[in-house]
Amino acid sequence: MDEGWDPGSARAPRDPEELEARPNGPAPEISPLTTLGAVHLTVSDLSRSIRYYESEVGLETLDRADGHATLGVGARQLVTLVEIPGARPAVGHTGLYHFALLVPGRADLARWLAHAARDRVALTGLSDHFVSEAIYLSDPDGHGIEIYQDRPRETWEGRVATRMTTLPLDVDALFAELGDPASEPFHGLPAGTVMGHVHLKVAAIAPTVGFYRGVLGFGLMAQLGRQAAFLSAGGYHHHIGANTWESEGAEAAPSGAAALRHVTIVLASVDERERLLRAAAAAGAGPEGTTAGPMVTDPSGNRLLLAVAADSTE
């Protein structure tokens, strides 16, 4: 991350939402009820990763068996980890840039940051994106994580393309949400935490936008030329982010790497899923039948599980 990126420079930003954006594209066709579910990752040491996600991030282990574990809050599954001992980070490939856990309110984000300061959780950045306030970190295998809270929708709706940016996070103002940050108790992420968005590393932006907007029907909310794009359902600032900053022209990570396995898109109905599966098939993007359900693949090799809300615990 580089919070000091100059939009006028030729150097691409490292921060996920730092951009000068172009105007919105057409209204999204995908259901506005579409959300994101669990992100599935390969890790090299499952026990180490569980300790990290429990103690540093604040998730609970919901299930563990046979070299995999699912973590979340309450009954909500947010991250599934699959162990391949000795797997190496997928540097220089397409895949996950970060997944983003959305907490219900500003005090929740302040409480998490107080925990990070008190317990010396290593961070990679703290940013104010106008639409949200965000804290960044990285797990032991290099998987990027964002923990964030949204500003009220009425403050940014219709202005994502022109206002989403990156400024330094005002930590003092955030801590003012708490009585005493030094002693504020932390008992993990709150029950209302959800998977807010997923940001992907892609090989090229044009085919990515073509797939997520033209095939799946997400709305294009903002774009930085050939470097980054942000897409959503229902006018949200973004459910899917994509950039080429570390992956332009790259291939998907090889089998056995510590990498993204798949992202879960939770659809409003079976009919909606069938429509998207037909569109993906026509575009040559799958579907692939798996024990978890049907998956489609974006042009950079990122796999997407299409779940249905009524049948999903995501």
Protein backbone atom coordinates (compact mmCIF):
# COMPACT_ATOMS: atom_id res chain seq x y z
CA MET A 1 0.00 0.00 0.00
CA ASP A 2 1.11 3.52 -0.76
CA GLU A 3 -1.13 6.10 0.88
CA GLY A 4 0.95 8.89 -0.63
CA TRP A 5 0.19 7.98 -4.25
CA ASP A 6 -0.03 11.01 -6.52
CA PRO A 7 -2.93 10.64 -9.01
CA GLY A 8 -0.92 12.67 -11.50
CA SER A 9 2.04 10.31 -11.43
CA ALA A 10 2.60 7.41 -13.79
CA ARG A 11 3.11 4.98 -10.94
CA ALA A 12 0.14 2.72 -10.28
CA PRO A 13 -1.39 2.87 -6.78
CA ARG A 14 -0.90 0.01 -4.38
CA ASP A 15 -3.93 0.87 -2.27
CA PRO A 16 -7.11 -0.88 -3.41
CA GLU A 17 -9.40 2.12 -3.78
CA GLU A 18 -7.00 4.92 -4.68
CA LEU A 19 -8.09 6.23 -8.06
CA GLU A 20 -9.44 8.97 -10.23
CA ALA A 21 -12.60 7.28 -11.43
CA ARG A 22 -14.63 7.55 -14.57
CA PRO A 23 -18.41 8.01 -14.48
CA ASN A 24 -20.76 5.14 -13.73
CA GLY A 25 -21.77 2.72 -16.44
CA PRO A 26 -25.28 1.47 -17.04
CA ALA A 27 -27.49 0.40 -14.17
CA PRO A 28 -26.66 -3.14 -12.99
CA GLU A 29 -28.75 -6.02 -14.26
CA ILE A 30 -27.89 -8.47 -11.50
CA SER A 31 -30.38 -8.51 -8.61
CA PRO A 32 -29.79 -5.71 -6.11
CA LEU A 33 -30.15 -8.37 -3.40
CA THR A 34 -26.88 -10.01 -4.49
CA THR A 35 -24.26 -10.27 -1.74
CA LEU A 36 -20.95 -12.01 -1.17
CA GLY A 37 -20.36 -15.10 0.94
CA ALA A 38 -17.33 -16.98 2.15
CA VAL A 39 -13.92 -16.65 0.50
CA HIS A 40 -12.01 -19.94 0.21
CA LEU A 41 -8.21 -19.88 0.50
CA THR A 42 -5.32 -22.33 0.41
CA VAL A 43 -2.94 -21.99 3.37
CA SER A 44 0.36 -23.67 4.15
CA ASP A 45 -0.17 -24.33 7.88
CA LEU A 46 -3.78 -24.64 9.02
CA SER A 47 -3.11 -24.42 12.76
CA ARG A 48 -1.04 -21.27 12.32
CA SER A 49 -3.73 -19.69 10.15
CA ILE A 50 -6.52 -20.53 12.59
CA ARG A 51 -4.56 -18.92 15.41
CA TYR A 52 -4.09 -15.81 13.28
CA TYR A 53 -7.71 -15.50 12.21
CA GLU A 54 -8.96 -16.06 15.74
CA SER A 55 -6.52 -13.91 17.71
CA GLU A 56 -5.56 -11.21 15.23
CA VAL A 57 -8.65 -10.84 13.03
CA GLY A 58 -11.27 -11.85 15.60
CA LEU A 59 -13.14 -14.64 13.79
CA GLU A 60 -14.45 -17.84 15.38
CA THR A 61 -13.70 -21.34 14.14
CA LEU A 62 -17.05 -22.81 13.11
CA ASP A 63 -15.79 -26.13 11.79
CA ARG A 64 -12.49 -27.97 11.45
CA ALA A 65 -11.86 -31.38 9.90
CA ASP A 66 -9.65 -33.16 7.37
CA GLY A 67 -7.22 -30.32 6.67
CA HIS A 68 -9.75 -27.53 6.34
CA ALA A 69 -11.49 -25.07 8.63
CA THR A 70 -14.32 -22.59 8.28
CA LEU A 71 -14.29 -19.36 10.29
CA GLY A 72 -16.87 -16.65 10.74
CA VAL A 73 -19.10 -14.90 13.25
CA GLY A 74 -22.10 -16.59 14.83
CA ALA A 75 -23.39 -18.99 12.18
CA ARG A 76 -22.14 -16.85 9.27
CA GLN A 77 -19.30 -18.43 7.31
CA LEU A 78 -16.78 -15.84 6.13
CA VAL A 79 -13.50 -17.64 5.38
CA THR A 80 -12.73 -21.26 4.59
CA LEU A 81 -9.11 -22.39 4.78
CA VAL A 82 -7.76 -25.49 3.04
CA GLU A 83 -4.30 -26.71 4.01
CA ILE A 84 -1.63 -27.73 1.53
CA PRO A 85 1.47 -28.14 3.71
CA GLY A 86 4.34 -25.97 2.53
CA ALA A 87 2.27 -24.08 -0.08
CA ARG A 88 4.04 -20.94 -1.23
CA PRO A 89 2.37 -17.52 -1.65
CA ALA A 90 1.06 -16.86 -5.16
CA VAL A 91 3.24 -13.84 -5.97
CA GLY A 92 3.10 -12.57 -9.56
CA HIS A 93 -0.18 -14.29 -10.41
CA THR A 94 -3.83 -13.35 -10.63
CA GLY A 95 -6.01 -14.16 -7.63
CA LEU A 96 -6.86 -12.41 -4.37
CA TYR A 97 -5.79 -8.84 -3.67
CA HIS A 98 -7.84 -8.74 -0.49
CA PHE A 99 -11.16 -9.78 0.95
CA ALA A 100 -13.01 -7.18 3.00
CA LEU A 101 -14.92 -7.75 6.22
CA LEU A 102 -17.58 -5.10 6.76
CA VAL A 103 -18.37 -4.34 10.41
CA PRO A 104 -21.74 -2.83 11.36
CA GLY A 105 -20.60 0.53 12.72
CA ARG A 106 -17.81 2.99 13.30
CA ALA A 107 -17.41 2.06 16.96
CA ASP A 108 -16.85 -1.55 15.87
CA LEU A 109 -14.01 -0.47 13.60
CA ALA A 110 -12.55 1.68 16.39
CA ARG A 111 -12.76 -1.26 18.77
CA TRP A 112 -10.94 -3.49 16.30
CA LEU A 113 -8.19 -0.90 15.77
CA ALA A 114 -7.78 -0.49 19.54
CA HIS A 115 -7.30 -4.26 19.76
CA ALA A 116 -4.74 -4.13 16.93
CA ALA A 117 -2.78 -1.38 18.67
CA ARG A 118 -2.92 -3.03 22.07
CA ASP A 119 -2.10 -6.54 20.80
CA ARG A 120 0.44 -5.41 18.22
CA VAL A 121 -1.36 -6.73 15.17
CA ALA A 122 0.77 -5.93 12.12
CA LEU A 123 -1.07 -3.63 9.70
CA THR A 124 -0.36 -2.75 6.08
CA GLY A 125 -2.40 0.44 5.92
CA LEU A 126 -5.18 2.67 7.26
CA SER A 127 -7.26 4.63 4.78
CA ASP A 128 -10.24 6.92 4.40
CA HIS A 129 -11.93 6.20 1.05
CA PHE A 130 -14.79 8.73 1.48
CA VAL A 131 -17.28 5.88 1.00
CA SER A 132 -15.69 3.97 3.89
CA GLU A 133 -12.93 3.85 6.49
CA ALA A 134 -10.61 0.88 6.19
CA ILE A 135 -7.79 -0.98 7.91
CA TYR A 136 -5.54 -3.40 6.00
CA LEU A 137 -3.50 -6.40 7.07
CA SER A 138 -2.10 -9.60 5.62
CA ASP A 139 -2.34 -13.17 6.89
CA PRO A 140 0.69 -15.49 7.31
CA ASP A 141 0.39 -16.69 3.69
CA GLY A 142 0.14 -13.19 2.24
CA HIS A 143 -3.62 -13.16 1.72
CA GLY A 144 -4.78 -9.55 1.92
CA ILE A 145 -7.51 -8.60 4.41
CA GLU A 146 -9.48 -5.39 4.83
CA ILE A 147 -11.64 -4.57 7.84
CA TYR A 148 -13.88 -1.59 7.18
CA GLN A 149 -17.05 0.32 7.95
CA ASP A 150 -19.22 2.15 5.46
CA ARG A 151 -20.12 5.78 5.73
CA PRO A 152 -23.90 6.37 5.49
CA ARG A 153 -25.06 5.52 1.99
CA GLU A 154 -26.69 8.90 1.48
CA THR A 155 -23.27 10.56 1.74
CA TRP A 156 -21.81 8.72 -1.26
CA GLU A 157 -24.63 7.22 -3.32
CA GLY A 158 -24.43 8.45 -6.90
CA ARG A 159 -20.98 9.93 -6.28
CA VAL A 160 -18.77 6.85 -6.12
CA ALA A 161 -17.03 7.54 -9.42
CA THR A 162 -16.14 11.10 -8.53
CA ARG A 163 -15.50 10.87 -4.80
CA MET A 164 -14.04 7.44 -3.93
CA THR A 165 -10.41 8.12 -3.13
CA THR A 166 -7.71 7.41 -0.55
CA LEU A 167 -6.72 9.71 2.29
CA PRO A 168 -4.98 8.87 5.57
CA LEU A 169 -7.39 7.52 8.17
CA ASP A 170 -8.07 9.96 11.00
CA VAL A 171 -7.23 7.58 13.83
CA ASP A 172 -7.89 10.14 16.57
CA ALA A 173 -11.40 10.79 15.25
CA LEU A 174 -12.02 7.06 15.02
CA PHE A 175 -10.82 6.44 18.57
CA ALA A 176 -13.13 9.24 19.77
CA GLU A 177 -15.93 6.68 19.26
CA LEU A 178 -14.63 4.87 22.35
CA GLY A 179 -14.42 5.92 25.96
CA ASP A 180 -10.89 4.63 26.53
CA PRO A 181 -9.26 2.86 23.56
CA ALA A 182 -6.47 1.50 25.75
CA SER A 183 -8.87 -0.50 27.91
CA GLU A 184 -11.72 -1.10 25.46
CA PRO A 185 -12.51 -4.83 25.56
CA PHE A 186 -12.34 -6.83 22.34
CA HIS A 187 -14.23 -10.09 22.06
CA GLY A 188 -13.85 -10.66 18.34
CA LEU A 189 -15.62 -9.22 15.34
CA PRO A 190 -19.28 -8.37 16.01
CA ALA A 191 -22.11 -10.67 14.97
CA GLY A 192 -23.21 -8.34 12.18
CA THR A 193 -19.91 -8.63 10.29
CA VAL A 194 -20.33 -9.67 6.65
CA MET A 195 -18.19 -10.13 3.57
CA GLY A 196 -18.50 -6.63 2.15
CA HIS A 197 -16.43 -6.95 -1.01
CA VAL A 198 -13.63 -8.89 -2.62
CA HIS A 199 -10.80 -7.28 -4.55
CA LEU A 200 -9.11 -9.40 -7.21
CA LYS A 201 -5.80 -9.34 -9.03
CA VAL A 202 -6.55 -9.66 -12.74
CA ALA A 203 -4.55 -9.87 -15.96
CA ALA A 204 -6.43 -7.09 -17.77
CA ILE A 205 -9.26 -4.71 -16.95
CA ALA A 206 -11.26 -4.65 -20.20
CA PRO A 207 -12.12 -8.38 -20.23
CA THR A 208 -12.73 -8.25 -16.49
CA VAL A 209 -15.32 -5.50 -16.88
CA GLY A 210 -16.73 -7.34 -19.87
CA PHE A 211 -17.26 -10.43 -17.74
CA TYR A 212 -18.54 -8.94 -14.48
CA ARG A 213 -20.70 -6.30 -16.17
CA GLY A 214 -21.50 -7.83 -19.55
CA VAL A 215 -21.97 -11.45 -18.45
CA LEU A 216 -22.91 -11.39 -14.75
CA GLY A 217 -24.59 -7.98 -14.82
CA PHE A 218 -22.77 -6.08 -12.07
CA GLY A 219 -22.84 -2.31 -12.45
CA LEU A 220 -19.58 -0.51 -13.21
CA MET A 221 -19.24 2.06 -10.43
CA ALA A 222 -15.76 3.41 -11.14
CA GLN A 223 -12.76 2.70 -13.33
CA LEU A 224 -9.15 3.83 -13.50
CA GLY A 225 -8.31 3.23 -17.12
CA ARG A 226 -6.56 -0.09 -17.66
CA GLN A 227 -5.48 -0.31 -14.02
CA ALA A 228 -8.57 -0.89 -11.86
CA ALA A 229 -12.35 -1.22 -11.87
CA PHE A 230 -15.04 -1.41 -9.20
CA LEU A 231 -18.39 -3.13 -9.77
CA SER A 232 -21.46 -3.75 -7.65
CA ALA A 233 -25.04 -4.90 -7.33
CA GLY A 234 -27.76 -2.49 -6.27
CA GLY A 235 -25.65 0.67 -6.46
CA TYR A 236 -23.26 -0.29 -3.62
CA HIS A 237 -19.84 1.34 -3.96
CA HIS A 238 -18.36 -2.05 -4.88
CA HIS A 239 -18.79 -5.75 -4.29
CA ILE A 240 -16.01 -6.64 -6.74
CA GLY A 241 -12.77 -4.73 -7.14
CA ALA A 242 -10.16 -5.65 -9.74
CA ASN A 243 -6.71 -4.32 -10.52
CA THR A 244 -3.62 -5.10 -12.60
CA TRP A 245 -1.10 -3.40 -10.31
CA GLU A 246 0.73 -6.64 -9.48
CA SER A 247 -0.72 -8.95 -12.13
CA GLU A 248 -0.91 -7.32 -15.56
CA GLY A 249 -0.70 -10.08 -18.16
CA ALA A 250 -0.22 -12.72 -15.45
CA GLU A 251 -1.62 -16.22 -15.29
CA ALA A 252 -3.60 -17.83 -12.49
CA ALA A 253 -1.62 -19.27 -9.59
CA PRO A 254 -0.36 -22.84 -10.09
CA SER A 255 -2.05 -25.73 -8.35
CA GLY A 256 -0.75 -26.12 -4.81
CA ALA A 257 0.02 -22.43 -4.21
CA ALA A 258 -1.27 -20.54 -1.18
CA ALA A 259 -3.87 -18.72 -3.23
CA LEU A 260 -7.53 -17.93 -3.73
CA ARG A 261 -9.61 -21.06 -4.29
CA HIS A 262 -12.91 -19.32 -4.97
CA VAL A 263 -15.19 -16.43 -4.05
CA THR A 264 -18.86 -17.02 -3.17
CA ILE A 265 -21.51 -14.86 -4.84
CA VAL A 266 -24.86 -15.24 -3.08
CA LEU A 267 -27.77 -14.75 -5.49
CA ALA A 268 -31.37 -13.90 -4.73
CA SER A 269 -33.00 -16.96 -6.31
CA VAL A 270 -32.50 -20.20 -8.20
CA ASP A 271 -33.88 -18.49 -11.31
CA GLU A 272 -31.24 -15.79 -11.01
CA ARG A 273 -28.52 -18.41 -10.73
CA GLU A 274 -29.80 -20.31 -13.76
CA ARG A 275 -29.81 -17.09 -15.78
CA LEU A 276 -26.21 -16.35 -14.84
CA LEU A 277 -25.12 -19.93 -15.53
CA ARG A 278 -26.59 -19.71 -19.02
CA ALA A 279 -24.87 -16.38 -19.61
CA ALA A 280 -21.53 -17.76 -18.35
CA ALA A 281 -21.86 -20.84 -20.57
CA ALA A 282 -22.54 -18.65 -23.60
CA ALA A 283 -19.40 -16.64 -22.76
CA GLY A 284 -17.25 -19.76 -22.37
CA ALA A 285 -16.80 -19.14 -18.64
CA GLY A 286 -18.16 -22.45 -17.36
CA PRO A 287 -20.11 -23.58 -15.48
CA GLU A 288 -18.17 -26.21 -13.57
CA GLY A 289 -20.09 -28.59 -11.37
CA THR A 290 -18.54 -29.09 -7.92
CA THR A 291 -19.64 -30.62 -4.63
CA ALA A 292 -20.10 -27.06 -3.32
CA GLY A 293 -22.26 -26.02 -6.27
CA PRO A 294 -21.82 -24.55 -9.76
CA MET A 295 -18.79 -22.37 -10.39
CA VAL A 296 -17.90 -19.99 -13.17
CA THR A 297 -14.46 -18.58 -13.96
CA ASP A 298 -13.55 -15.01 -14.84
CA PRO A 299 -11.07 -14.20 -17.65
CA SER A 300 -8.15 -14.17 -15.18
CA GLY A 301 -8.89 -17.63 -13.79
CA ASN A 302 -10.64 -16.47 -10.60
CA ARG A 303 -13.35 -18.98 -9.72
CA LEU A 304 -16.78 -17.91 -8.43
CA LEU A 305 -19.20 -20.17 -6.62
CA LEU A 306 -22.79 -19.17 -7.44
CA ALA A 307 -24.85 -19.83 -4.29
CA VAL A 308 -28.50 -19.06 -3.62
CA ALA A 309 -29.44 -17.11 -0.51
CA ALA A 310 -32.25 -19.41 0.61
CA ASP A 311 -29.92 -22.44 0.51
CA SER A 312 -26.76 -20.79 1.77
CA THR A 313 -25.21 -20.29 5.19
CA GLU A 314 -22.73 -17.86 3.64
